[in-house]
Amino acid sequence: MSNDSNIQAGVWKVSFFSDNGNDETNHFTGYEFAFNANGSATASNGGSTVNGTWKTGTDDDQAKLELNFGNTSPFDELNNDWHILNTNNTTILLEDVSGGNGGTDALTFTKI
């Protein structure tokens, strides 16, 4: 299954988010993420929805997922060109190593 079709298949939650080693998973508790075929994305918790965009590509032969949810906190923390470490029907494992401070962010989506 391609990265695009896997990401579009179903609804996802953030099961792990680490910002430079700090576990901030709880910032996304209750939000469901949908990645649509037209490149739009939504994060909804029943009361509010945050709109964003997504696309896949490659960078230095590494598969990547680019997310952009604008300036809405805490979703702006997800704005990145994430390297796709692994993806299957139920999990998407992502990582970003910052060029500036060398910190590593990790993001895992799990299918709901």
PDB file of N, CA and C in Angstrom:
ATOM      1  N   MET A   1       0.854  -1.180   0.000  1.00  0.00           N
ATOM      2  CA  MET A   1       0.000   0.000   0.000  1.00  0.00           C
ATOM      3  C   MET A   1       0.895   1.236   0.000  1.00  0.00           C
ATOM      4  N   SER A   2       0.596   2.191  -0.868  1.00  0.00           N
ATOM      5  CA  SER A   2       1.411   3.405  -0.926  1.00  0.00           C
ATOM      6  C   SER A   2       1.182   4.253   0.319  1.00  0.00           C
ATOM      7  N   ASN A   3       2.126   5.146   0.596  1.00  0.00           N
ATOM      8  CA  ASN A   3       1.975   6.039   1.739  1.00  0.00           C
ATOM      9  C   ASN A   3       0.711   6.872   1.622  1.00  0.00           C
ATOM     10  N   ASP A   4       0.428   7.401   0.405  1.00  0.00           N
ATOM     11  CA  ASP A   4      -0.749   8.247   0.224  1.00  0.00           C
ATOM     12  C   ASP A   4      -2.036   7.498   0.539  1.00  0.00           C
ATOM     13  N   SER A   5      -2.214   6.320  -0.042  1.00  0.00           N
ATOM     14  CA  SER A   5      -3.468   5.596   0.165  1.00  0.00           C
ATOM     15  C   SER A   5      -3.592   5.122   1.607  1.00  0.00           C
ATOM     16  N   ASN A   6      -2.496   4.778   2.239  1.00  0.00           N
ATOM     17  CA  ASN A   6      -2.536   4.373   3.637  1.00  0.00           C
ATOM     18  C   ASN A   6      -2.961   5.534   4.531  1.00  0.00           C
ATOM     19  N   ILE A   7      -2.397   6.691   4.305  1.00  0.00           N
ATOM     20  CA  ILE A   7      -2.709   7.864   5.123  1.00  0.00           C
ATOM     21  C   ILE A   7      -4.166   8.285   4.944  1.00  0.00           C
ATOM     22  N   GLN A   8      -4.680   8.171   3.726  1.00  0.00           N
ATOM     23  CA  GLN A   8      -6.056   8.571   3.445  1.00  0.00           C
ATOM     24  C   GLN A   8      -7.080   7.578   3.982  1.00  0.00           C
ATOM     25  N   ALA A   9      -6.663   6.358   4.255  1.00  0.00           N
ATOM     26  CA  ALA A   9      -7.589   5.298   4.655  1.00  0.00           C
ATOM     27  C   ALA A   9      -7.927   5.410   6.137  1.00  0.00           C
ATOM     28  N   GLY A  10      -9.069   5.992   6.448  1.00  0.00           N
ATOM     29  CA  GLY A  10      -9.540   6.013   7.822  1.00  0.00           C
ATOM     30  C   GLY A  10      -9.224   7.275   8.584  1.00  0.00           C
ATOM     31  N   VAL A  11      -9.461   7.173   9.881  1.00  0.00           N
ATOM     32  CA  VAL A  11      -9.280   8.285  10.813  1.00  0.00           C
ATOM     33  C   VAL A  11      -8.175   7.891  11.788  1.00  0.00           C
ATOM     34  N   TRP A  12      -7.357   8.871  12.157  1.00  0.00           N
ATOM     35  CA  TRP A  12      -6.160   8.626  12.961  1.00  0.00           C
ATOM     36  C   TRP A  12      -6.179   9.450  14.241  1.00  0.00           C
ATOM     37  N   LYS A  13      -5.416   9.011  15.231  1.00  0.00           N
ATOM     38  CA  LYS A  13      -5.175   9.800  16.444  1.00  0.00           C
ATOM     39  C   LYS A  13      -3.674   9.878  16.668  1.00  0.00           C
ATOM     40  N   VAL A  14      -3.257  10.903  17.392  1.00  0.00           N
ATOM     41  CA  VAL A  14      -1.854  11.002  17.795  1.00  0.00           C
ATOM     42  C   VAL A  14      -1.685  10.106  19.014  1.00  0.00           C
ATOM     43  N   SER A  15      -0.949   9.019  18.849  1.00  0.00           N
ATOM     44  CA  SER A  15      -0.710   8.118  19.976  1.00  0.00           C
ATOM     45  C   SER A  15       0.611   8.430  20.675  1.00  0.00           C
ATOM     46  N   PHE A  16       1.467   9.225  20.009  1.00  0.00           N
ATOM     47  CA  PHE A  16       2.710   9.676  20.640  1.00  0.00           C
ATOM     48  C   PHE A  16       3.214  10.915  19.920  1.00  0.00           C
ATOM     49  N   PHE A  17       3.584  11.938  20.699  1.00  0.00           N
ATOM     50  CA  PHE A  17       4.245  13.119  20.150  1.00  0.00           C
ATOM     51  C   PHE A  17       5.295  13.580  21.142  1.00  0.00           C
ATOM     52  N   SER A  18       6.527  13.648  20.681  1.00  0.00           N
ATOM     53  CA  SER A  18       7.644  14.103  21.501  1.00  0.00           C
ATOM     54  C   SER A  18       8.293  15.289  20.812  1.00  0.00           C
ATOM     55  N   ASP A  19       8.357  16.404  21.527  1.00  0.00           N
ATOM     56  CA  ASP A  19       8.982  17.622  21.018  1.00  0.00           C
ATOM     57  C   ASP A  19      10.340  17.762  21.691  1.00  0.00           C
ATOM     58  N   ASN A  20      11.394  17.420  20.943  1.00  0.00           N
ATOM     59  CA  ASN A  20      12.764  17.504  21.463  1.00  0.00           C
ATOM     60  C   ASN A  20      12.912  16.737  22.782  1.00  0.00           C
ATOM     61  N   GLY A  21      12.306  15.542  22.834  1.00  0.00           N
ATOM     62  CA  GLY A  21      12.423  14.686  24.009  1.00  0.00           C
ATOM     63  C   GLY A  21      11.348  14.875  25.053  1.00  0.00           C
ATOM     64  N   ASN A  22      10.501  15.899  24.914  1.00  0.00           N
ATOM     65  CA  ASN A  22       9.425  16.144  25.869  1.00  0.00           C
ATOM     66  C   ASN A  22       8.128  15.537  25.345  1.00  0.00           C
ATOM     67  N   ASP A  23       7.540  14.604  26.101  1.00  0.00           N
ATOM     68  CA  ASP A  23       6.304  13.943  25.701  1.00  0.00           C
ATOM     69  C   ASP A  23       5.143  14.937  25.805  1.00  0.00           C
ATOM     70  N   GLU A  24       4.587  15.304  24.658  1.00  0.00           N
ATOM     71  CA  GLU A  24       3.467  16.245  24.605  1.00  0.00           C
ATOM     72  C   GLU A  24       2.246  15.605  23.943  1.00  0.00           C
ATOM     73  N   THR A  25       2.148  14.280  24.039  1.00  0.00           N
ATOM     74  CA  THR A  25       1.038  13.544  23.439  1.00  0.00           C
ATOM     75  C   THR A  25      -0.302  14.074  23.933  1.00  0.00           C
ATOM     76  N   ASN A  26      -0.380  14.433  25.224  1.00  0.00           N
ATOM     77  CA  ASN A  26      -1.648  14.867  25.816  1.00  0.00           C
ATOM     78  C   ASN A  26      -2.214  16.125  25.164  1.00  0.00           C
ATOM     79  N   HIS A  27      -1.426  16.888  24.436  1.00  0.00           N
ATOM     80  CA  HIS A  27      -1.926  18.087  23.752  1.00  0.00           C
ATOM     81  C   HIS A  27      -2.941  17.731  22.672  1.00  0.00           C
ATOM     82  N   PHE A  28      -2.943  16.475  22.219  1.00  0.00           N
ATOM     83  CA  PHE A  28      -3.793  16.062  21.104  1.00  0.00           C
ATOM     84  C   PHE A  28      -4.843  15.031  21.513  1.00  0.00           C
ATOM     85  N   THR A  29      -5.011  14.836  22.824  1.00  0.00           N
ATOM     86  CA  THR A  29      -5.993  13.877  23.321  1.00  0.00           C
ATOM     87  C   THR A  29      -7.390  14.253  22.845  1.00  0.00           C
ATOM     88  N   GLY A  30      -8.111  13.270  22.313  1.00  0.00           N
ATOM     89  CA  GLY A  30      -9.487  13.479  21.876  1.00  0.00           C
ATOM     90  C   GLY A  30      -9.631  13.956  20.449  1.00  0.00           C
ATOM     91  N   TYR A  31      -8.538  14.283  19.784  1.00  0.00           N
ATOM     92  CA  TYR A  31      -8.607  14.753  18.394  1.00  0.00           C
ATOM     93  C   TYR A  31      -8.496  13.591  17.416  1.00  0.00           C
ATOM     94  N   GLU A  32      -9.339  13.650  16.394  1.00  0.00           N
ATOM     95  CA  GLU A  32      -9.306  12.684  15.302  1.00  0.00           C
ATOM     96  C   GLU A  32      -8.810  13.396  14.052  1.00  0.00           C
ATOM     97  N   PHE A  33      -7.841  12.788  13.386  1.00  0.00           N
ATOM     98  CA  PHE A  33      -7.220  13.371  12.196  1.00  0.00           C
ATOM     99  C   PHE A  33      -7.680  12.626  10.954  1.00  0.00           C
ATOM    100  N   ALA A  34      -8.063  13.396   9.933  1.00  0.00           N
ATOM    101  CA  ALA A  34      -8.421  12.826   8.635  1.00  0.00           C
ATOM    102  C   ALA A  34      -7.565  13.494   7.570  1.00  0.00           C
ATOM    103  N   PHE A  35      -7.028  12.688   6.674  1.00  0.00           N
ATOM    104  CA  PHE A  35      -6.178  13.165   5.585  1.00  0.00           C
ATOM    105  C   PHE A  35      -6.895  12.857   4.274  1.00  0.00           C
ATOM    106  N   ASN A  36      -7.358  13.892   3.597  1.00  0.00           N
ATOM    107  CA  ASN A  36      -8.198  13.742   2.414  1.00  0.00           C
ATOM    108  C   ASN A  36      -7.379  13.696   1.129  1.00  0.00           C
ATOM    109  N   ALA A  37      -7.972  13.083   0.093  1.00  0.00           N
ATOM    110  CA  ALA A  37      -7.282  12.884  -1.184  1.00  0.00           C
ATOM    111  C   ALA A  37      -6.860  14.196  -1.840  1.00  0.00           C
ATOM    112  N   ASN A  38      -7.576  15.293  -1.553  1.00  0.00           N
ATOM    113  CA  ASN A  38      -7.255  16.581  -2.178  1.00  0.00           C
ATOM    114  C   ASN A  38      -6.126  17.328  -1.464  1.00  0.00           C
ATOM    115  N   GLY A  39      -5.511  16.698  -0.452  1.00  0.00           N
ATOM    116  CA  GLY A  39      -4.409  17.334   0.264  1.00  0.00           C
ATOM    117  C   GLY A  39      -4.834  18.117   1.491  1.00  0.00           C
ATOM    118  N   SER A  40      -6.130  18.168   1.765  1.00  0.00           N
ATOM    119  CA  SER A  40      -6.589  18.838   2.981  1.00  0.00           C
ATOM    120  C   SER A  40      -6.564  17.847   4.143  1.00  0.00           C
ATOM    121  N   ALA A  41      -6.470  18.394   5.338  1.00  0.00           N
ATOM    122  CA  ALA A  41      -6.466  17.576   6.548  1.00  0.00           C
ATOM    123  C   ALA A  41      -7.309  18.280   7.596  1.00  0.00           C
ATOM    124  N   THR A  42      -7.901  17.496   8.493  1.00  0.00           N
ATOM    125  CA  THR A  42      -8.655  18.071   9.599  1.00  0.00           C
ATOM    126  C   THR A  42      -8.289  17.357  10.891  1.00  0.00           C
ATOM    127  N   ALA A  43      -8.337  18.119  11.970  1.00  0.00           N
ATOM    128  CA  ALA A  43      -8.201  17.570  13.316  1.00  0.00           C
ATOM    129  C   ALA A  43      -9.440  18.022  14.076  1.00  0.00           C
ATOM    130  N   SER A  44     -10.265  17.074  14.518  1.00  0.00           N
ATOM    131  CA  SER A  44     -11.541  17.401  15.156  1.00  0.00           C
ATOM    132  C   SER A  44     -11.672  16.672  16.481  1.00  0.00           C
ATOM    133  N   ASN A  45     -12.292  17.362  17.442  1.00  0.00           N
ATOM    134  CA  ASN A  45     -12.563  16.714  18.726  1.00  0.00           C
ATOM    135  C   ASN A  45     -14.043  16.756  19.076  1.00  0.00           C
ATOM    136  N   GLY A  46     -14.897  17.001  18.098  1.00  0.00           N
ATOM    137  CA  GLY A  46     -16.326  17.068  18.340  1.00  0.00           C
ATOM    138  C   GLY A  46     -16.801  18.488  18.586  1.00  0.00           C
ATOM    139  N   GLY A  47     -15.982  19.317  19.215  1.00  0.00           N
ATOM    140  CA  GLY A  47     -16.353  20.692  19.495  1.00  0.00           C
ATOM    141  C   GLY A  47     -15.664  21.697  18.597  1.00  0.00           C
ATOM    142  N   SER A  48     -14.490  21.347  18.133  1.00  0.00           N
ATOM    143  CA  SER A  48     -13.755  22.259  17.260  1.00  0.00           C
ATOM    144  C   SER A  48     -13.001  21.461  16.202  1.00  0.00           C
ATOM    145  N   THR A  49     -12.741  22.136  15.092  1.00  0.00           N
ATOM    146  CA  THR A  49     -12.003  21.529  13.987  1.00  0.00           C
ATOM    147  C   THR A  49     -10.893  22.472  13.564  1.00  0.00           C
ATOM    148  N   VAL A  50      -9.702  21.920  13.381  1.00  0.00           N
ATOM    149  CA  VAL A  50      -8.561  22.669  12.876  1.00  0.00           C
ATOM    150  C   VAL A  50      -8.258  22.135  11.484  1.00  0.00           C
ATOM    151  N   ASN A  51      -8.186  23.039  10.509  1.00  0.00           N
ATOM    152  CA  ASN A  51      -7.918  22.648   9.130  1.00  0.00           C
ATOM    153  C   ASN A  51      -6.437  22.779   8.816  1.00  0.00           C
ATOM    154  N   GLY A  52      -5.976  21.871   7.966  1.00  0.00           N
ATOM    155  CA  GLY A  52      -4.584  21.901   7.560  1.00  0.00           C
ATOM    156  C   GLY A  52      -4.405  21.279   6.197  1.00  0.00           C
ATOM    157  N   THR A  53      -3.145  21.038   5.849  1.00  0.00           N
ATOM    158  CA  THR A  53      -2.805  20.396   4.585  1.00  0.00           C
ATOM    159  C   THR A  53      -1.762  19.315   4.843  1.00  0.00           C
ATOM    160  N   TRP A  54      -1.670  18.402   3.885  1.00  0.00           N
ATOM    161  CA  TRP A  54      -0.665  17.350   3.962  1.00  0.00           C
ATOM    162  C   TRP A  54      -0.241  16.968   2.555  1.00  0.00           C
ATOM    163  N   LYS A  55       0.974  16.455   2.431  1.00  0.00           N
ATOM    164  CA  LYS A  55       1.423  15.857   1.179  1.00  0.00           C
ATOM    165  C   LYS A  55       2.620  14.975   1.476  1.00  0.00           C
ATOM    166  N   THR A  56       2.805  13.982   0.630  1.00  0.00           N
ATOM    167  CA  THR A  56       3.955  13.105   0.767  1.00  0.00           C
ATOM    168  C   THR A  56       4.945  13.409  -0.340  1.00  0.00           C
ATOM    169  N   GLY A  57       6.166  12.995  -0.132  1.00  0.00           N
ATOM    170  CA  GLY A  57       7.216  13.194  -1.122  1.00  0.00           C
ATOM    171  C   GLY A  57       8.468  12.483  -0.666  1.00  0.00           C
ATOM    172  N   THR A  58       9.595  12.866  -1.252  1.00  0.00           N
ATOM    173  CA  THR A  58      10.878  12.313  -0.831  1.00  0.00           C
ATOM    174  C   THR A  58      11.877  13.445  -0.644  1.00  0.00           C
ATOM    175  N   ASP A  59      12.800  13.229   0.266  1.00  0.00           N
ATOM    176  CA  ASP A  59      13.866  14.180   0.546  1.00  0.00           C
ATOM    177  C   ASP A  59      15.123  13.360   0.797  1.00  0.00           C
ATOM    178  N   ASP A  60      16.127  13.511  -0.053  1.00  0.00           N
ATOM    179  CA  ASP A  60      17.349  12.706   0.051  1.00  0.00           C
ATOM    180  C   ASP A  60      17.021  11.214   0.094  1.00  0.00           C
ATOM    181  N   ASP A  61      16.134  10.792  -0.797  1.00  0.00           N
ATOM    182  CA  ASP A  61      15.697   9.395  -0.914  1.00  0.00           C
ATOM    183  C   ASP A  61      14.966   8.882   0.321  1.00  0.00           C
ATOM    184  N   GLN A  62      14.528   9.768   1.185  1.00  0.00           N
ATOM    185  CA  GLN A  62      13.773   9.393   2.384  1.00  0.00           C
ATOM    186  C   GLN A  62      12.321   9.821   2.184  1.00  0.00           C
ATOM    187  N   ALA A  63      11.380   8.878   2.357  1.00  0.00           N
ATOM    188  CA  ALA A  63       9.959   9.220   2.257  1.00  0.00           C
ATOM    189  C   ALA A  63       9.617  10.218   3.349  1.00  0.00           C
ATOM    190  N   LYS A  64       8.798  11.220   2.993  1.00  0.00           N
ATOM    191  CA  LYS A  64       8.438  12.228   3.986  1.00  0.00           C
ATOM    192  C   LYS A  64       6.950  12.536   3.911  1.00  0.00           C
ATOM    193  N   LEU A  65       6.435  13.055   5.017  1.00  0.00           N
ATOM    194  CA  LEU A  65       5.063  13.529   5.120  1.00  0.00           C
ATOM    195  C   LEU A  65       5.135  14.971   5.599  1.00  0.00           C
ATOM    196  N   GLU A  66       4.659  15.882   4.767  1.00  0.00           N
ATOM    197  CA  GLU A  66       4.661  17.302   5.121  1.00  0.00           C
ATOM    198  C   GLU A  66       3.293  17.671   5.674  1.00  0.00           C
ATOM    199  N   LEU A  67       3.271  18.183   6.907  1.00  0.00           N
ATOM    200  CA  LEU A  67       2.037  18.616   7.557  1.00  0.00           C
ATOM    201  C   LEU A  67       2.076  20.112   7.798  1.00  0.00           C
ATOM    202  N   ASN A  68       0.923  20.770   7.638  1.00  0.00           N
ATOM    203  CA  ASN A  68       0.814  22.191   7.936  1.00  0.00           C
ATOM    204  C   ASN A  68      -0.584  22.468   8.464  1.00  0.00           C
ATOM    205  N   PHE A  69      -0.675  22.803   9.743  1.00  0.00           N
ATOM    206  CA  PHE A  69      -1.943  23.141  10.383  1.00  0.00           C
ATOM    207  C   PHE A  69      -1.995  24.622  10.770  1.00  0.00           C
ATOM    208  N   GLY A  70      -1.188  25.449  10.116  1.00  0.00           N
ATOM    209  CA  GLY A  70      -1.219  26.883  10.380  1.00  0.00           C
ATOM    210  C   GLY A  70      -0.635  27.225  11.738  1.00  0.00           C
ATOM    211  N   ASN A  71      -1.112  28.336  12.312  1.00  0.00           N
ATOM    212  CA  ASN A  71      -0.548  28.857  13.558  1.00  0.00           C
ATOM    213  C   ASN A  71      -1.335  28.483  14.802  1.00  0.00           C
ATOM    214  N   THR A  72      -2.349  27.622  14.667  1.00  0.00           N
ATOM    215  CA  THR A  72      -3.180  27.254  15.806  1.00  0.00           C
ATOM    216  C   THR A  72      -2.410  26.329  16.746  1.00  0.00           C
ATOM    217  N   SER A  73      -2.226  26.774  17.989  1.00  0.00           N
ATOM    218  CA  SER A  73      -1.536  25.964  18.990  1.00  0.00           C
ATOM    219  C   SER A  73      -2.491  24.888  19.515  1.00  0.00           C
ATOM    220  N   PRO A  74      -2.045  23.680  19.775  1.00  0.00           N
ATOM    221  CA  PRO A  74      -0.695  23.153  19.668  1.00  0.00           C
ATOM    222  C   PRO A  74      -0.395  22.530  18.292  1.00  0.00           C
ATOM    223  N   PHE A  75      -1.329  22.676  17.358  1.00  0.00           N
ATOM    224  CA  PHE A  75      -1.181  21.995  16.068  1.00  0.00           C
ATOM    225  C   PHE A  75      -0.011  22.527  15.249  1.00  0.00           C
ATOM    226  N   ASP A  76       0.410  23.764  15.535  1.00  0.00           N
ATOM    227  CA  ASP A  76       1.581  24.304  14.846  1.00  0.00           C
ATOM    228  C   ASP A  76       2.836  23.473  15.141  1.00  0.00           C
ATOM    229  N   GLU A  77       2.818  22.719  16.250  1.00  0.00           N
ATOM    230  CA  GLU A  77       3.939  21.833  16.575  1.00  0.00           C
ATOM    231  C   GLU A  77       4.079  20.698  15.561  1.00  0.00           C
ATOM    232  N   LEU A  78       2.992  20.401  14.841  1.00  0.00           N
ATOM    233  CA  LEU A  78       3.009  19.309  13.862  1.00  0.00           C
ATOM    234  C   LEU A  78       3.474  19.770  12.489  1.00  0.00           C
ATOM    235  N   ASN A  79       3.588  21.104  12.296  1.00  0.00           N
ATOM    236  CA  ASN A  79       4.015  21.649  11.004  1.00  0.00           C
ATOM    237  C   ASN A  79       5.469  21.274  10.754  1.00  0.00           C
ATOM    238  N   ASN A  80       5.673  20.381   9.785  1.00  0.00           N
ATOM    239  CA  ASN A  80       7.026  19.895   9.571  1.00  0.00           C
ATOM    240  C   ASN A  80       7.086  19.042   8.324  1.00  0.00           C
ATOM    241  N   ASP A  81       8.288  18.806   7.851  1.00  0.00           N
ATOM    242  CA  ASP A  81       8.558  17.773   6.851  1.00  0.00           C
ATOM    243  C   ASP A  81       9.037  16.553   7.627  1.00  0.00           C
ATOM    244  N   TRP A  82       8.123  15.676   7.972  1.00  0.00           N
ATOM    245  CA  TRP A  82       8.426  14.508   8.787  1.00  0.00           C
ATOM    246  C   TRP A  82       8.985  13.383   7.925  1.00  0.00           C
ATOM    247  N   HIS A  83      10.033  12.737   8.372  1.00  0.00           N
ATOM    248  CA  HIS A  83      10.530  11.535   7.709  1.00  0.00           C
ATOM    249  C   HIS A  83       9.656  10.365   8.143  1.00  0.00           C
ATOM    250  N   ILE A  84       9.191   9.599   7.173  1.00  0.00           N
ATOM    251  CA  ILE A  84       8.362   8.431   7.457  1.00  0.00           C
ATOM    252  C   ILE A  84       9.292   7.265   7.778  1.00  0.00           C
ATOM    253  N   LEU A  85       9.295   6.853   9.043  1.00  0.00           N
ATOM    254  CA  LEU A  85      10.141   5.739   9.465  1.00  0.00           C
ATOM    255  C   LEU A  85       9.494   4.406   9.127  1.00  0.00           C
ATOM    256  N   ASN A  86       8.165   4.345   9.300  1.00  0.00           N
ATOM    257  CA  ASN A  86       7.428   3.121   9.029  1.00  0.00           C
ATOM    258  C   ASN A  86       5.954   3.467   8.886  1.00  0.00           C
ATOM    259  N   THR A  87       5.269   2.748   8.025  1.00  0.00           N
ATOM    260  CA  THR A  87       3.832   2.923   7.882  1.00  0.00           C
ATOM    261  C   THR A  87       3.207   1.588   7.520  1.00  0.00           C
ATOM    262  N   ASN A  88       2.051   1.324   8.123  1.00  0.00           N
ATOM    263  CA  ASN A  88       1.278   0.140   7.768  1.00  0.00           C
ATOM    264  C   ASN A  88      -0.196   0.497   7.887  1.00  0.00           C
ATOM    265  N   ASN A  89      -1.069  -0.476   7.913  1.00  0.00           N
ATOM    266  CA  ASN A  89      -2.505  -0.200   7.921  1.00  0.00           C
ATOM    267  C   ASN A  89      -2.997   0.441   9.209  1.00  0.00           C
ATOM    268  N   THR A  90      -2.221   0.376  10.286  1.00  0.00           N
ATOM    269  CA  THR A  90      -2.692   0.880  11.576  1.00  0.00           C
ATOM    270  C   THR A  90      -1.791   1.921  12.223  1.00  0.00           C
ATOM    271  N   THR A  91      -0.578   2.113  11.715  1.00  0.00           N
ATOM    272  CA  THR A  91       0.380   2.998  12.377  1.00  0.00           C
ATOM    273  C   THR A  91       1.220   3.761  11.358  1.00  0.00           C
ATOM    274  N   ILE A  92       1.484   5.034  11.673  1.00  0.00           N
ATOM    275  CA  ILE A  92       2.413   5.847  10.890  1.00  0.00           C
ATOM    276  C   ILE A  92       3.451   6.402  11.868  1.00  0.00           C
ATOM    277  N   LEU A  93       4.709   5.996  11.715  1.00  0.00           N
ATOM    278  CA  LEU A  93       5.793   6.463  12.580  1.00  0.00           C
ATOM    279  C   LEU A  93       6.595   7.528  11.852  1.00  0.00           C
ATOM    280  N   LEU A  94       6.720   8.707  12.479  1.00  0.00           N
ATOM    281  CA  LEU A  94       7.386   9.848  11.859  1.00  0.00           C
ATOM    282  C   LEU A  94       8.467  10.402  12.777  1.00  0.00           C
ATOM    283  N   GLU A  95       9.480  11.030  12.158  1.00  0.00           N
ATOM    284  CA  GLU A  95      10.565  11.640  12.929  1.00  0.00           C
ATOM    285  C   GLU A  95      11.085  12.858  12.187  1.00  0.00           C
ATOM    286  N   ASP A  96      11.493  13.858  12.953  1.00  0.00           N
ATOM    287  CA  ASP A  96      12.145  15.029  12.379  1.00  0.00           C
ATOM    288  C   ASP A  96      13.345  15.388  13.239  1.00  0.00           C
ATOM    289  N   VAL A  97      14.492  15.494  12.600  1.00  0.00           N
ATOM    290  CA  VAL A  97      15.705  15.948  13.281  1.00  0.00           C
ATOM    291  C   VAL A  97      15.963  17.371  12.827  1.00  0.00           C
ATOM    292  N   SER A  98      15.927  18.303  13.771  1.00  0.00           N
ATOM    293  CA  SER A  98      16.079  19.719  13.462  1.00  0.00           C
ATOM    294  C   SER A  98      17.492  20.019  12.998  1.00  0.00           C
ATOM    295  N   GLY A  99      17.580  20.818  11.952  1.00  0.00           N
ATOM    296  CA  GLY A  99      18.893  21.221  11.462  1.00  0.00           C
ATOM    297  C   GLY A  99      19.545  22.253  12.355  1.00  0.00           C
ATOM    298  N   GLY A 100      18.745  23.070  13.042  1.00  0.00           N
ATOM    299  CA  GLY A 100      19.280  24.155  13.846  1.00  0.00           C
ATOM    300  C   GLY A 100      19.867  23.693  15.163  1.00  0.00           C
ATOM    301  N   ASN A 101      19.009  23.129  16.025  1.00  0.00           N
ATOM    302  CA  ASN A 101      19.480  22.750  17.358  1.00  0.00           C
ATOM    303  C   ASN A 101      19.761  21.261  17.480  1.00  0.00           C
ATOM    304  N   GLY A 102      19.499  20.501  16.418  1.00  0.00           N
ATOM    305  CA  GLY A 102      19.782  19.076  16.448  1.00  0.00           C
ATOM    306  C   GLY A 102      18.797  18.264  17.257  1.00  0.00           C
ATOM    307  N   GLY A 103      17.718  18.894  17.751  1.00  0.00           N
ATOM    308  CA  GLY A 103      16.709  18.176  18.516  1.00  0.00           C
ATOM    309  C   GLY A 103      15.912  17.237  17.625  1.00  0.00           C
ATOM    310  N   THR A 104      15.371  16.193  18.238  1.00  0.00           N
ATOM    311  CA  THR A 104      14.586  15.218  17.499  1.00  0.00           C
ATOM    312  C   THR A 104      13.150  15.233  17.991  1.00  0.00           C
ATOM    313  N   ASP A 105      12.215  15.350  17.049  1.00  0.00           N
ATOM    314  CA  ASP A 105      10.789  15.255  17.338  1.00  0.00           C
ATOM    315  C   ASP A 105      10.293  13.925  16.792  1.00  0.00           C
ATOM    316  N   ALA A 106       9.339  13.317  17.484  1.00  0.00           N
ATOM    317  CA  ALA A 106       8.762  12.050  17.048  1.00  0.00           C
ATOM    318  C   ALA A 106       7.244  12.164  17.083  1.00  0.00           C
ATOM    319  N   LEU A 107       6.591  11.581  16.087  1.00  0.00           N
ATOM    320  CA  LEU A 107       5.138  11.640  15.971  1.00  0.00           C
ATOM    321  C   LEU A 107       4.645  10.289  15.491  1.00  0.00           C
ATOM    322  N   THR A 108       3.660   9.741  16.200  1.00  0.00           N
ATOM    323  CA  THR A 108       3.047   8.480  15.794  1.00  0.00           C
ATOM    324  C   THR A 108       1.546   8.672  15.686  1.00  0.00           C
ATOM    325  N   PHE A 109       1.003   8.337  14.520  1.00  0.00           N
ATOM    326  CA  PHE A 109      -0.439   8.291  14.315  1.00  0.00           C
ATOM    327  C   PHE A 109      -0.872   6.831  14.363  1.00  0.00           C
ATOM    328  N   THR A 110      -1.972   6.560  15.065  1.00  0.00           N
ATOM    329  CA  THR A 110      -2.548   5.225  15.123  1.00  0.00           C
ATOM    330  C   THR A 110      -3.979   5.306  14.617  1.00  0.00           C
ATOM    331  N   LYS A 111      -4.359   4.348  13.763  1.00  0.00           N
ATOM    332  CA  LYS A 111      -5.709   4.345  13.205  1.00  0.00           C
ATOM    333  C   LYS A 111      -6.718   4.066  14.307  1.00  0.00           C
ATOM    334  N   ILE A 112      -7.813   4.817  14.287  1.00  0.00           N
ATOM    335  CA  ILE A 112      -8.882   4.657  15.276  1.00  0.00           C
ATOM    336  C   ILE A 112      -9.815   3.552  14.812  1.00  0.00           C
TER     337      ILE A 112
END
